[in-house]
């Protein structure tokens, strides 16, 4: 089998690249839609339920590669807030939720 036969079986490089681009665009659109739906849901925001949610997240996702930067940022945020009377804001890129560990990670990370 010659090189042309192999490429002919799977289409041109440009066709495969276009298909990959469509796949990633569709995936990103789905992730953004899911994140939007999750953020619209109202959860309880009392300190006890937030602590339970953080513990559950760490137990379920703490060893995931995408979790480390998120958890380090959360820790820094909480330490910055401790002892202050004014509220500290933590601004996150939505990509943190869509690119760090899948839909379950996104759901659990965006609670509260």
Foldseek 3Di string as FASTA:
>chain_A
DDPVVVCVVPDHPVVVVVVVVVVVVVLVVVLVVLLVVLLVDDDDDDPVVVVVLVVVLCVVPVPFPLVVVVVVLVVVLVVVQPPDPDHDDDDDDCCSLSPRDDDVNNNSVNHD
